Protein backbone atom coordinates (compact mmCIF):
# COMPACT_ATOMS: atom_id res chain seq x y z
CA UNK A 1 -18.58 5.13 21.88
CA UNK A 2 -18.78 7.37 18.44
CA UNK A 3 -16.44 6.65 15.56
CA UNK A 4 -15.50 8.62 12.87
CA UNK A 5 -16.55 7.95 9.66
CA UNK A 6 -14.26 7.67 6.55
CA UNK A 7 -14.65 6.08 3.37
CA UNK A 8 -11.92 3.88 3.35
CA UNK A 9 -10.43 2.07 6.53
CA UNK A 10 -7.16 1.14 5.63
CA UNK A 11 -4.98 -2.00 7.69
CA UNK A 12 -1.30 -2.13 7.28
CA UNK A 13 2.12 -2.27 8.16
CA UNK A 14 3.51 1.63 9.10
CA UNK A 15 7.22 1.62 8.41
CA UNK A 16 8.97 5.18 8.62
CA UNK A 17 11.04 5.99 5.85
CA UNK A 18 13.96 7.70 7.41
CA UNK A 19 16.40 8.72 4.17
CA UNK A 20 19.43 10.14 4.22
CA UNK A 21 22.30 11.33 2.16
CA UNK A 22 25.50 9.60 2.35
CA UNK A 23 28.94 8.95 1.00
CA UNK A 24 30.08 5.51 -0.41
CA UNK A 25 32.77 5.49 2.53
CA UNK A 26 29.51 5.12 5.16
CA UNK A 27 27.93 2.17 2.78
CA UNK A 28 31.62 0.32 3.19
CA UNK A 29 32.03 1.41 6.79
CA UNK A 30 28.51 -0.03 7.84
CA UNK A 31 29.04 -3.29 5.47
CA UNK A 32 26.16 -2.78 3.60
CA UNK A 33 25.79 -4.33 -0.02
CA UNK A 34 24.80 -0.68 -1.99
CA UNK A 35 21.62 -0.30 -4.03
CA UNK A 36 20.24 -3.54 -1.93
CA UNK A 37 17.29 -4.08 0.17
CA UNK A 38 18.43 -6.30 3.47
CA UNK A 39 15.95 -7.31 5.54
CA UNK A 40 17.63 -6.36 9.71
CA UNK A 41 17.31 -6.81 13.36
CA UNK A 42 16.52 -3.95 16.13
CA UNK A 43 20.23 -4.36 16.85
CA UNK A 44 21.61 -3.24 13.13
CA UNK A 45 19.04 -0.54 12.63
CA UNK A 46 20.15 0.41 16.11
CA UNK A 47 23.89 0.46 14.54
CA UNK A 48 23.10 2.31 11.33
CA UNK A 49 21.14 4.79 12.57
CA UNK A 50 23.86 5.86 15.49
CA UNK A 51 26.59 6.23 12.28
CA UNK A 52 24.43 8.63 10.41
CA UNK A 53 23.21 10.66 13.91
CA UNK A 54 25.12 13.46 12.55
CA UNK A 55 23.47 13.60 9.59
CA UNK A 56 20.73 15.31 8.17
CA UNK A 57 17.44 12.80 7.49
CA UNK A 58 13.97 13.17 6.57
CA UNK A 59 11.40 10.97 7.79
CA UNK A 60 8.14 10.04 5.58
CA UNK A 61 5.34 7.92 6.46
CA UNK A 62 5.90 4.57 4.16
CA UNK A 63 4.17 0.80 3.45
CA UNK A 64 2.11 -0.33 1.02
CA UNK A 65 -1.27 -0.09 2.97
CA UNK A 66 0.06 3.71 4.25
CA UNK A 67 0.83 4.69 0.41
CA UNK A 68 -2.71 3.71 -0.72
CA UNK A 69 -4.50 5.86 2.32
CA UNK A 70 -1.91 8.58 1.62
CA UNK A 71 -2.41 9.05 -2.17
CA UNK A 72 -6.50 8.91 -1.54
CA UNK A 73 -6.08 11.59 1.44
CA UNK A 74 -4.80 13.64 -1.24
CA UNK A 75 -7.81 13.09 -3.63
CA UNK A 76 -10.06 14.10 -1.12
CA UNK A 77 -11.70 11.49 0.15
CA UNK A 78 -11.69 10.08 4.01
CA UNK A 79 -9.50 7.83 4.87
CA UNK A 80 -8.09 6.43 8.34
CA UNK A 81 -5.19 3.88 8.51
CA UNK A 82 -4.95 1.27 11.25
CA UNK A 83 -1.36 -0.41 12.35
CA UNK A 84 1.03 -0.82 15.00
CA UNK A 85 4.23 1.67 15.83
CA UNK A 86 6.62 1.93 18.62
CA UNK A 87 6.48 4.07 21.21
CA UNK A 88 9.58 6.02 20.65
CA UNK A 89 10.63 8.98 18.87
CA UNK A 90 10.31 7.33 15.40
CA UNK A 91 6.30 5.99 16.18
CA UNK A 92 5.57 10.19 17.19
CA UNK A 93 6.77 11.41 14.20
CA UNK A 94 4.76 8.49 11.88
CA UNK A 95 1.30 9.65 13.40
CA UNK A 96 2.21 13.26 13.29
CA UNK A 97 3.33 12.96 9.42
CA UNK A 98 -0.07 10.77 8.52
CA UNK A 99 -1.94 13.42 10.16
CA UNK A 100 -0.16 15.87 7.76
CA UNK A 101 -0.95 13.92 4.87
CA UNK A 102 -4.60 14.19 6.38
CA UNK A 103 -5.19 10.37 7.38
CA UNK A 104 -7.04 9.65 10.60
CA UNK A 105 -4.60 7.78 12.43
CA UNK A 106 -5.80 4.97 13.97
CA UNK A 107 -2.45 3.44 14.81
CA UNK A 108 -1.61 1.53 18.54
CA UNK A 109 1.34 1.99 19.86
CA UNK A 110 4.05 -1.03 21.49
CA UNK A 111 7.11 -0.78 23.55
CA UNK A 112 8.38 -2.53 20.50
CA UNK A 113 10.42 -0.26 18.30
CA UNK A 114 8.35 1.12 15.35
CA UNK A 115 9.34 -0.30 11.67
CA UNK A 116 11.52 1.20 9.92
CA UNK A 117 12.98 1.70 6.22
CA UNK A 118 16.69 3.23 6.50
CA UNK A 119 17.12 4.97 2.98
CA UNK A 120 20.81 5.74 2.59
CA UNK A 121 21.54 7.55 -0.67
CA UNK A 122 25.12 8.19 -1.71
CA UNK A 123 25.84 11.24 -4.36
CA UNK A 124 25.43 8.47 -7.17
CA UNK A 125 21.42 8.85 -6.11
CA UNK A 126 21.66 4.94 -5.47
CA UNK A 127 19.46 3.82 -3.22
CA UNK A 128 20.78 1.23 -0.55
CA UNK A 129 17.88 0.25 2.33
CA UNK A 130 17.63 -1.46 5.62
CA UNK A 131 14.46 -2.59 6.82
CA UNK A 132 13.38 -3.41 10.48
CA UNK A 133 9.58 -4.61 10.89
CA UNK A 134 9.37 -3.99 14.31
CA UNK A 135 6.30 -3.17 15.93
CA UNK A 136 4.45 -3.43 13.39
CA UNK A 137 4.16 -7.59 13.12
CA UNK A 138 2.58 -6.47 16.55
CA UNK A 139 -0.97 -6.26 15.39
CA UNK A 140 -3.44 -7.90 16.62
CA UNK A 141 -7.14 -8.78 17.11
CA UNK A 142 -7.25 -6.15 20.03
CA UNK A 143 -5.94 -3.53 17.52
CA UNK A 144 -9.26 -3.55 15.17
CA UNK A 145 -11.34 -0.46 15.50
CA UNK A 146 -14.14 -2.48 14.67
CA UNK A 147 -16.56 0.70 14.90
CA UNK A 148 -15.00 2.49 11.96
CA UNK A 149 -15.07 -0.44 9.48
CA UNK A 150 -19.04 -1.07 10.64
CA UNK A 151 -18.95 2.88 8.88
CA UNK A 152 -16.69 2.86 6.42
CA UNK A 153 -17.33 2.20 2.78
CA UNK A 154 -14.12 0.23 2.22
CA UNK A 155 -12.04 -1.88 4.53
CA UNK A 156 -9.03 -1.92 2.47
CA UNK A 157 -5.30 -4.49 3.55
CA UNK A 158 -2.57 -6.09 1.46
CA UNK A 159 -1.37 -10.01 1.94
CA UNK A 160 1.40 -8.47 4.31
CA UNK A 161 -0.96 -9.33 6.81
CA UNK A 162 -0.52 -12.89 6.23
CA UNK A 163 2.62 -12.82 7.99
CA UNK A 164 2.29 -13.12 11.51
CA UNK A 165 -0.99 -14.58 13.03
CA UNK A 166 -1.85 -12.34 15.24
CA UNK A 167 -2.20 -9.95 12.21
CA UNK A 168 -3.99 -12.84 10.12
CA UNK A 169 -6.52 -13.11 13.17
CA UNK A 170 -6.98 -8.98 13.58
CA UNK A 171 -8.01 -9.13 9.29
CA UNK A 172 -10.14 -12.24 9.88
CA UNK A 173 -11.98 -10.47 12.61
CA UNK A 174 -12.21 -6.90 10.50
CA UNK A 175 -13.51 -8.92 7.59
CA UNK A 176 -16.45 -10.01 9.48
CA UNK A 177 -17.16 -7.12 10.72
CA UNK A 178 -16.96 -5.56 7.22
CA UNK A 179 -19.26 -8.46 5.85
CA UNK A 180 -21.93 -7.36 8.27
CA UNK A 181 -22.02 -4.72 7.92
CA UNK A 182 -22.10 -3.97 4.30
CA UNK A 183 -18.55 -2.70 4.11
CA UNK A 184 -16.85 -4.07 0.87
CA UNK A 185 -13.66 -5.60 1.45
CA UNK A 186 -10.81 -4.63 -1.30
CA UNK A 187 -7.73 -7.41 -0.62
CA UNK A 188 -4.31 -5.88 -3.15
CA UNK A 189 -2.22 -9.38 -2.56
CA UNK A 190 0.58 -7.05 -3.00
CA UNK A 191 3.73 -9.12 -3.33
CA UNK A 192 4.29 -12.51 -5.63
CA UNK A 193 6.14 -13.99 -2.93
CA UNK A 194 3.57 -13.07 -0.09
CA UNK A 195 1.04 -14.91 -2.49
CA UNK A 196 3.68 -18.28 -2.57
CA UNK A 197 3.73 -18.61 1.13
CA UNK A 198 -0.41 -17.77 1.67
CA UNK A 199 -1.75 -19.40 -1.49
CA UNK A 200 -4.27 -21.70 0.35
CA UNK A 201 -5.58 -18.68 2.54
CA UNK A 202 -5.75 -16.17 -0.26
CA UNK A 203 -7.47 -18.81 -2.29
CA UNK A 204 -10.25 -19.20 0.55
CA UNK A 205 -10.82 -15.37 1.29
CA UNK A 206 -10.66 -14.39 -2.32
CA UNK A 207 -13.85 -17.40 -2.84
CA UNK A 208 -15.53 -16.49 0.18
CA UNK A 209 -15.05 -12.45 1.35
CA UNK A 210 -13.47 -10.67 -0.84
CA UNK A 211 -14.94 -7.38 -3.05
CA UNK A 212 -12.47 -6.09 -5.03
CA UNK A 213 -9.13 -7.98 -5.65
CA UNK A 214 -6.04 -5.77 -6.79
CA UNK A 215 -3.25 -8.17 -8.17
CA UNK A 216 -0.30 -7.52 -10.62
CA UNK A 217 0.21 -9.97 -13.82
CA UNK A 218 3.32 -12.11 -11.42
CA UNK A 219 0.33 -12.29 -8.66
CA UNK A 220 -2.10 -13.44 -11.09
CA UNK A 221 0.43 -16.09 -12.35
CA UNK A 222 1.00 -18.16 -9.38
CA UNK A 223 -2.84 -17.78 -7.86
CA UNK A 224 -4.12 -19.42 -11.40
CA UNK A 225 -1.13 -21.09 -12.98
CA UNK A 226 -0.86 -19.25 -16.55
CA UNK A 227 0.34 -15.77 -18.10
CA UNK A 228 -2.35 -14.50 -19.10
CA UNK A 229 -3.85 -11.13 -17.47
CA UNK A 230 -7.05 -10.67 -19.55
CA UNK A 231 -7.82 -14.63 -19.11
CA UNK A 232 -6.78 -13.93 -15.02
CA UNK A 233 -8.98 -10.79 -14.44
CA UNK A 234 -11.73 -13.08 -16.36
CA UNK A 235 -10.90 -16.18 -13.73
CA UNK A 236 -10.50 -14.13 -10.57
CA UNK A 237 -14.14 -11.99 -11.55
CA UNK A 238 -15.68 -15.69 -11.31
CA UNK A 239 -15.30 -15.12 -7.45
CA UNK A 240 -18.13 -12.56 -7.65
CA UNK A 241 -15.69 -9.90 -7.07
CA UNK A 242 -14.24 -7.49 -9.40
CA UNK A 243 -10.73 -8.55 -10.45
CA UNK A 244 -7.94 -6.26 -11.76
CA UNK A 245 -5.02 -7.73 -12.66
CA UNK A 246 -1.56 -4.72 -13.70
CA UNK A 247 0.52 -5.38 -16.55
CA UNK A 248 2.90 -2.97 -15.83
CA UNK A 249 3.84 -0.77 -19.23
CA UNK A 250 0.96 -2.99 -20.80
CA UNK A 251 -1.99 -1.26 -18.67
CA UNK A 252 -4.12 -3.76 -16.70
CA UNK A 253 -7.12 -5.98 -17.33
CA UNK A 254 -10.76 -5.67 -14.94
CA UNK A 255 -12.53 -8.07 -14.78
CA UNK A 256 -16.17 -8.23 -13.50
CA UNK A 257 -18.24 -10.81 -11.85
CA UNK A 258 -20.81 -10.74 -15.09
CA UNK A 259 -18.15 -11.79 -17.66
CA UNK A 260 -17.68 -8.52 -18.58
CA UNK A 261 -13.67 -7.75 -19.13
CA UNK A 262 -12.07 -4.25 -20.25
CA UNK A 263 -8.45 -4.04 -21.42
CA UNK A 264 -7.06 -0.71 -19.97
CA UNK A 265 -3.87 1.10 -21.73
CA UNK A 266 -0.73 2.54 -19.96
CA UNK A 267 -0.27 6.23 -19.78
CA UNK A 268 3.01 6.22 -21.71
CA UNK A 269 5.07 8.26 -19.11
CA UNK A 270 9.56 8.57 -18.61
CA UNK A 271 9.70 6.82 -15.63
CA UNK A 272 12.11 7.10 -12.40
CA UNK A 273 11.13 5.38 -10.10
CA UNK A 274 8.58 2.52 -9.39
CA UNK A 275 8.63 2.53 -5.85
CA UNK A 276 4.56 3.06 -5.22
CA UNK A 277 3.21 2.45 -8.84
CA UNK A 278 0.38 -0.28 -7.00
CA UNK A 279 -0.26 1.03 -4.43
CA UNK A 280 -1.27 4.76 -6.47
CA UNK A 281 -2.99 2.01 -8.71
CA UNK A 282 -5.11 0.85 -5.89
CA UNK A 283 -5.56 4.39 -4.64
CA UNK A 284 -6.86 5.41 -7.78
CA UNK A 285 -9.17 2.60 -8.86
CA UNK A 286 -10.73 3.07 -5.39
CA UNK A 287 -11.20 6.28 -6.08
CA UNK A 288 -13.15 5.61 -9.39
CA UNK A 289 -15.29 3.43 -7.50
CA UNK A 290 -16.37 5.75 -4.60
CA UNK A 291 -17.11 8.25 -7.54
CA UNK A 292 -19.67 6.16 -9.55
CA UNK A 293 -17.22 5.60 -12.42
CA UNK A 294 -17.74 2.90 -15.12
CA UNK A 295 -14.76 -0.09 -14.29
CA UNK A 296 -12.83 0.75 -17.41
CA UNK A 297 -13.11 4.31 -16.23
CA UNK A 298 -11.78 3.51 -12.71
CA UNK A 299 -8.59 1.51 -14.28
CA UNK A 300 -7.81 3.85 -16.52
CA UNK A 301 -8.08 6.86 -14.34
CA UNK A 302 -6.19 4.06 -11.55
CA UNK A 303 -3.46 3.75 -14.86
CA UNK A 304 -3.02 7.92 -15.03
CA UNK A 305 -2.52 7.86 -11.27
CA UNK A 306 0.15 5.53 -11.25
CA UNK A 307 1.74 7.32 -14.33
CA UNK A 308 2.43 10.15 -12.58
CA UNK A 309 3.89 8.75 -9.69
CA UNK A 310 6.89 7.07 -11.41
CA UNK A 311 7.57 10.08 -12.96
CA UNK A 312 8.93 11.24 -9.74
CA UNK A 313 10.95 9.58 -6.48
CA UNK A 314 9.14 8.49 -4.03
CA UNK A 315 5.75 6.71 -3.66
CA UNK A 316 3.69 9.69 -2.53
CA UNK A 317 3.28 13.16 -3.97
CA UNK A 318 3.82 16.19 -2.80
CA UNK A 319 1.21 19.45 -2.21
CA UNK A 320 1.63 20.67 -6.14
CA UNK A 321 1.15 17.56 -7.53
CA UNK A 322 -1.37 16.43 -5.50
CA UNK A 323 -2.92 19.77 -7.07
CA UNK A 324 -2.00 18.88 -10.17
CA UNK A 325 -3.77 15.55 -9.91
CA UNK A 326 -7.14 16.31 -8.63
CA UNK A 327 -7.04 19.73 -11.33
CA UNK A 328 -6.75 16.59 -14.17
CA UNK A 329 -8.93 14.45 -13.14
CA UNK A 330 -11.76 17.53 -12.83
CA UNK A 331 -10.89 18.15 -15.92
CA UNK A 332 -11.11 14.80 -17.62
CA UNK A 333 -7.68 15.02 -18.79
CA UNK A 334 -6.96 12.00 -17.88
CA UNK A 335 -9.70 9.83 -20.19
C-alpha cells in the first residue's frame, strides 16, 4: 500500500464550527446563557440547528489539533489530520473545508453525527457557543493510519484524546508506531481540566514517549505543583523532552534536556480574540523545529504567530494574512 508522505500527522477531534448571526430574542427563545459555552447532546443540537435553519450560516473546521494542522498547512508544511466525523452533511462539509485549507484528510466516518460547535453571534458581537462532541469520540485503534505515521517527521496530538478509552487506545498504538519509526512525538497538554483528569497517564507518557511537550503555565503548574514557568520548563525537560511552557502575555520558556532554558518575550499587540492562540503557538513552534531553527528562535516565531491570531476574530488565518505571515518569516521580520 502506498502512503502519502507528510511532515506532520495530527490526530484530533474534528468539530465543525457552525456560525450564525442571531438576535437576542433568538438566544432567549433557545434558553441559552448568552456569552457562554455549553456542552450539549444530539437532541439539543438538532433543536438549535432547527431554530436557526433560516439564518445564513458559515462553516469552518474547528478543534484544537485541527487548528494547528491548518496553520501549519498555511505555512506550507505538508500536514494530515486523522479524526472521526459523521456520515452526514456536516461531515462532508468538514472534509471539504479541511482540504480547501490544504490539509490532507485522513478522516474516518461514523454513523454518529459530526461533532460541532454552534456559534451564535448577537448584534453586540457576543458569542454564545453550544458544543456537541458527537462522532469525534468514536475514533479508535482501527482508524489509525500507521503507514502515514511511519513516514511522517512528527506525530501531533493533544490531551483531549484521553477522554474516551477507544481514543486513548488509538493514541497508544499510534505512539508505539511513531517510536519504532523514529517519528518524533509532540504532545500538547491542551487544557488544565484534562490534566486534572489524566495526571497519572500524562506523567507516564511524558517520561516515556514524548519528544516535544507543549503546556501553558496553569497546565505545567498542575503537572508539577508550582507556579514558575521557567522552573517548570527546566523540570519537564529532564524527561528528555523539549518543553515549551507558555505564559500568555509574558511570553514562554523553552526547556531543553541538556539543562539549557530560553526565555522568549511575547509580541505586544492589541488582542481581539484569544481563541486558538495556543494552537497557533504549537504550529509556529513545530514550523521552527521543522526548518531547523534554534529552540529559542522556534519559540520566538511561535510567539509571533500566536500574536497575529489574537489580533483577529477566530482561530485560523485567511489567505491574505497567511501570505503576510509567510512574507514576514521570509524577511525575518519576526526576529
